[in-house]
Amino acid sequence: MPQSDDDRLVDLAARLEHEDPRFARSLATGRPTRPREYRRTSAWWVLIVGLGMLVAGIVVPDGLLIAAGLVTSGIGVQLIDP
């Protein structure tokens, strides 16, 4: 026996609540926010910190700081690019 449309909607709402509770709550209040896939604020901060470490490593000739800055910047770019 096929599921009714109401059961499918309830399952969809439960899955959405489980995957992204912040987005589901905002939909319930009528003021939707961006889904988790499109929130990249933390990725931008990681990129900024990584570039800061890279510049600091170049100014103060420190290879370890340059390497850490390059790795952190790479992580930030990877997080920004879907």
N, C-alpha and C. Protein backbone atom coordinates (compact mmCIF):
# COMPACT_ATOMS: atom_id res chain seq x y z
N MET A 1 0.85 -1.17 0.00
CA MET A 1 0.00 0.00 0.00
C MET A 1 0.91 1.24 0.00
N PRO A 2 0.73 2.16 -0.94
CA PRO A 2 1.58 3.35 -1.00
C PRO A 2 1.31 4.31 0.16
N GLN A 3 2.37 5.05 0.51
CA GLN A 3 2.23 6.03 1.58
C GLN A 3 1.37 7.20 1.11
N SER A 4 0.65 7.78 2.04
CA SER A 4 -0.13 8.96 1.69
C SER A 4 0.79 10.17 1.62
N ASP A 5 0.31 11.23 1.02
CA ASP A 5 1.11 12.45 0.90
C ASP A 5 1.42 13.06 2.26
N ASP A 6 0.49 12.93 3.20
CA ASP A 6 0.72 13.48 4.53
C ASP A 6 1.88 12.77 5.22
N ASP A 7 1.94 11.46 5.08
CA ASP A 7 3.05 10.71 5.68
C ASP A 7 4.39 11.11 5.07
N ARG A 8 4.39 11.32 3.77
CA ARG A 8 5.63 11.74 3.11
C ARG A 8 6.07 13.12 3.60
N LEU A 9 5.11 14.02 3.77
CA LEU A 9 5.46 15.36 4.25
C LEU A 9 5.99 15.32 5.68
N VAL A 10 5.39 14.48 6.51
CA VAL A 10 5.86 14.34 7.89
C VAL A 10 7.28 13.76 7.90
N ASP A 11 7.54 12.76 7.05
CA ASP A 11 8.88 12.19 6.96
C ASP A 11 9.89 13.22 6.47
N LEU A 12 9.49 14.02 5.48
CA LEU A 12 10.38 15.05 4.96
C LEU A 12 10.69 16.10 6.02
N ALA A 13 9.68 16.51 6.78
CA ALA A 13 9.89 17.50 7.84
C ALA A 13 10.80 16.94 8.94
N ALA A 14 10.62 15.68 9.28
CA ALA A 14 11.47 15.07 10.31
C ALA A 14 12.92 14.97 9.83
N ARG A 15 13.11 14.61 8.57
CA ARG A 15 14.47 14.51 8.04
C ARG A 15 15.13 15.89 7.97
N LEU A 16 14.36 16.91 7.59
CA LEU A 16 14.90 18.27 7.55
C LEU A 16 15.27 18.74 8.96
N GLU A 17 14.44 18.45 9.93
CA GLU A 17 14.73 18.83 11.32
C GLU A 17 16.00 18.14 11.81
N HIS A 18 16.20 16.91 11.40
CA HIS A 18 17.39 16.16 11.82
C HIS A 18 18.66 16.69 11.15
N GLU A 19 18.57 17.01 9.84
CA GLU A 19 19.76 17.43 9.09
C GLU A 19 20.17 18.86 9.38
N ASP A 20 19.22 19.77 9.50
CA ASP A 20 19.54 21.19 9.70
C ASP A 20 18.49 21.82 10.61
N PRO A 21 18.63 21.66 11.94
CA PRO A 21 17.60 22.15 12.86
C PRO A 21 17.42 23.67 12.81
N ARG A 22 18.51 24.40 12.58
CA ARG A 22 18.39 25.87 12.53
C ARG A 22 17.51 26.30 11.36
N PHE A 23 17.71 25.69 10.21
CA PHE A 23 16.91 26.01 9.03
C PHE A 23 15.45 25.61 9.24
N ALA A 24 15.22 24.45 9.85
CA ALA A 24 13.84 24.00 10.09
C ALA A 24 13.12 24.92 11.06
N ARG A 25 13.81 25.37 12.12
CA ARG A 25 13.18 26.30 13.06
C ARG A 25 12.85 27.62 12.39
N SER A 26 13.75 28.09 11.55
CA SER A 26 13.50 29.37 10.89
C SER A 26 12.34 29.27 9.90
N LEU A 27 12.18 28.13 9.25
CA LEU A 27 11.02 27.95 8.38
C LEU A 27 9.73 27.94 9.18
N ALA A 28 9.77 27.36 10.37
CA ALA A 28 8.57 27.30 11.20
C ALA A 28 8.15 28.69 11.67
N THR A 29 9.12 29.59 11.88
CA THR A 29 8.77 30.94 12.33
C THR A 29 8.41 31.85 11.18
N GLY A 30 8.65 31.41 9.95
CA GLY A 30 8.29 32.23 8.80
C GLY A 30 9.40 33.15 8.32
N ARG A 31 10.58 33.05 8.91
CA ARG A 31 11.72 33.87 8.48
C ARG A 31 12.88 32.94 8.15
N PRO A 32 12.87 32.37 6.96
CA PRO A 32 13.89 31.37 6.63
C PRO A 32 15.30 31.94 6.55
N THR A 33 16.25 31.15 7.00
CA THR A 33 17.67 31.47 6.88
C THR A 33 18.26 30.59 5.78
N ARG A 34 19.51 30.81 5.49
CA ARG A 34 20.17 29.98 4.49
C ARG A 34 20.35 28.57 5.03
N PRO A 35 20.19 27.57 4.17
CA PRO A 35 20.50 26.21 4.60
C PRO A 35 21.99 26.07 4.91
N ARG A 36 22.34 25.03 5.61
CA ARG A 36 23.71 24.82 6.07
C ARG A 36 24.71 24.81 4.91
N GLU A 37 24.30 24.30 3.77
CA GLU A 37 25.22 24.21 2.63
C GLU A 37 25.66 25.59 2.15
N TYR A 38 24.85 26.61 2.39
CA TYR A 38 25.14 27.95 1.87
C TYR A 38 25.67 28.90 2.93
N ARG A 39 25.86 28.43 4.14
CA ARG A 39 26.43 29.27 5.20
C ARG A 39 27.94 29.08 5.19
N ARG A 40 28.65 30.11 4.79
CA ARG A 40 30.10 29.98 4.65
C ARG A 40 30.87 31.00 5.47
N THR A 41 30.26 31.55 6.49
CA THR A 41 30.93 32.57 7.29
C THR A 41 32.18 32.02 7.94
N SER A 42 32.08 30.84 8.52
CA SER A 42 33.26 30.26 9.19
C SER A 42 34.36 29.95 8.18
N ALA A 43 33.99 29.57 6.97
CA ALA A 43 35.00 29.29 5.95
C ALA A 43 35.77 30.55 5.59
N TRP A 44 35.07 31.68 5.52
CA TRP A 44 35.76 32.95 5.24
C TRP A 44 36.72 33.30 6.37
N TRP A 45 36.31 33.05 7.62
CA TRP A 45 37.19 33.34 8.75
C TRP A 45 38.44 32.45 8.71
N VAL A 46 38.26 31.19 8.35
CA VAL A 46 39.42 30.29 8.24
C VAL A 46 40.37 30.79 7.16
N LEU A 47 39.82 31.24 6.04
CA LEU A 47 40.66 31.77 4.96
C LEU A 47 41.39 33.03 5.39
N ILE A 48 40.72 33.93 6.09
CA ILE A 48 41.35 35.17 6.56
C ILE A 48 42.47 34.87 7.55
N VAL A 49 42.22 33.95 8.48
CA VAL A 49 43.26 33.58 9.45
C VAL A 49 44.44 32.94 8.73
N GLY A 50 44.16 32.07 7.77
CA GLY A 50 45.24 31.43 7.02
C GLY A 50 46.08 32.42 6.24
N LEU A 51 45.43 33.39 5.60
CA LEU A 51 46.18 34.41 4.87
C LEU A 51 46.98 35.30 5.82
N GLY A 52 46.40 35.57 7.00
CA GLY A 52 47.14 36.33 8.01
C GLY A 52 48.38 35.59 8.48
N MET A 53 48.24 34.29 8.68
CA MET A 53 49.39 33.49 9.08
C MET A 53 50.44 33.46 7.97
N LEU A 54 49.99 33.40 6.73
CA LEU A 54 50.92 33.39 5.60
C LEU A 54 51.69 34.70 5.51
N VAL A 55 51.00 35.82 5.65
CA VAL A 55 51.66 37.12 5.60
C VAL A 55 52.62 37.27 6.78
N ALA A 56 52.18 36.85 7.97
CA ALA A 56 53.05 36.94 9.14
C ALA A 56 54.29 36.06 8.96
N GLY A 57 54.13 34.90 8.35
CA GLY A 57 55.28 34.04 8.10
C GLY A 57 56.24 34.62 7.08
N ILE A 58 55.72 35.40 6.14
CA ILE A 58 56.60 36.05 5.16
C ILE A 58 57.32 37.23 5.79
N VAL A 59 56.60 38.01 6.61
CA VAL A 59 57.21 39.18 7.26
C VAL A 59 58.29 38.74 8.24
N VAL A 60 57.95 37.79 9.08
CA VAL A 60 58.93 37.21 10.01
C VAL A 60 59.37 35.91 9.36
N PRO A 61 60.52 35.86 8.76
CA PRO A 61 60.87 34.69 7.94
C PRO A 61 60.83 33.39 8.75
N ASP A 62 59.66 32.79 8.78
CA ASP A 62 59.46 31.56 9.54
C ASP A 62 58.76 30.55 8.63
N GLY A 63 59.48 29.53 8.24
CA GLY A 63 58.95 28.54 7.31
C GLY A 63 57.76 27.78 7.85
N LEU A 64 57.77 27.49 9.16
CA LEU A 64 56.66 26.75 9.75
C LEU A 64 55.38 27.57 9.71
N LEU A 65 55.48 28.87 9.96
CA LEU A 65 54.31 29.74 9.92
C LEU A 65 53.80 29.89 8.48
N ILE A 66 54.72 29.96 7.53
CA ILE A 66 54.31 30.02 6.12
C ILE A 66 53.58 28.74 5.73
N ALA A 67 54.12 27.60 6.13
CA ALA A 67 53.48 26.32 5.80
C ALA A 67 52.11 26.20 6.45
N ALA A 68 52.01 26.61 7.71
CA ALA A 68 50.72 26.55 8.40
C ALA A 68 49.72 27.50 7.74
N GLY A 69 50.19 28.67 7.32
CA GLY A 69 49.31 29.61 6.63
C GLY A 69 48.82 29.07 5.30
N LEU A 70 49.71 28.41 4.56
CA LEU A 70 49.31 27.81 3.28
C LEU A 70 48.29 26.70 3.48
N VAL A 71 48.52 25.86 4.47
CA VAL A 71 47.59 24.76 4.73
C VAL A 71 46.24 25.30 5.18
N THR A 72 46.24 26.27 6.10
CA THR A 72 44.99 26.84 6.59
C THR A 72 44.25 27.56 5.48
N SER A 73 44.96 28.28 4.64
CA SER A 73 44.32 28.95 3.50
C SER A 73 43.72 27.94 2.54
N GLY A 74 44.42 26.85 2.31
CA GLY A 74 43.89 25.80 1.45
C GLY A 74 42.62 25.18 2.01
N ILE A 75 42.59 24.98 3.31
CA ILE A 75 41.39 24.46 3.95
C ILE A 75 40.24 25.45 3.79
N GLY A 76 40.52 26.73 3.99
CA GLY A 76 39.48 27.75 3.84
C GLY A 76 38.92 27.80 2.43
N VAL A 77 39.80 27.73 1.44
CA VAL A 77 39.33 27.74 0.04
C VAL A 77 38.50 26.50 -0.25
N GLN A 78 38.92 25.37 0.28
CA GLN A 78 38.16 24.13 0.07
C GLN A 78 36.78 24.22 0.72
N LEU A 79 36.67 24.87 1.87
CA LEU A 79 35.38 25.02 2.53
C LEU A 79 34.47 25.98 1.78
N ILE A 80 35.04 27.00 1.15
CA ILE A 80 34.23 27.98 0.42
C ILE A 80 33.70 27.38 -0.86
N ASP A 81 34.53 26.62 -1.57
CA ASP A 81 34.13 26.04 -2.85
C ASP A 81 33.29 24.79 -2.60
N PRO A 82 32.04 24.77 -3.07
CA PRO A 82 31.19 23.59 -2.80
C PRO A 82 31.66 22.44 -3.53
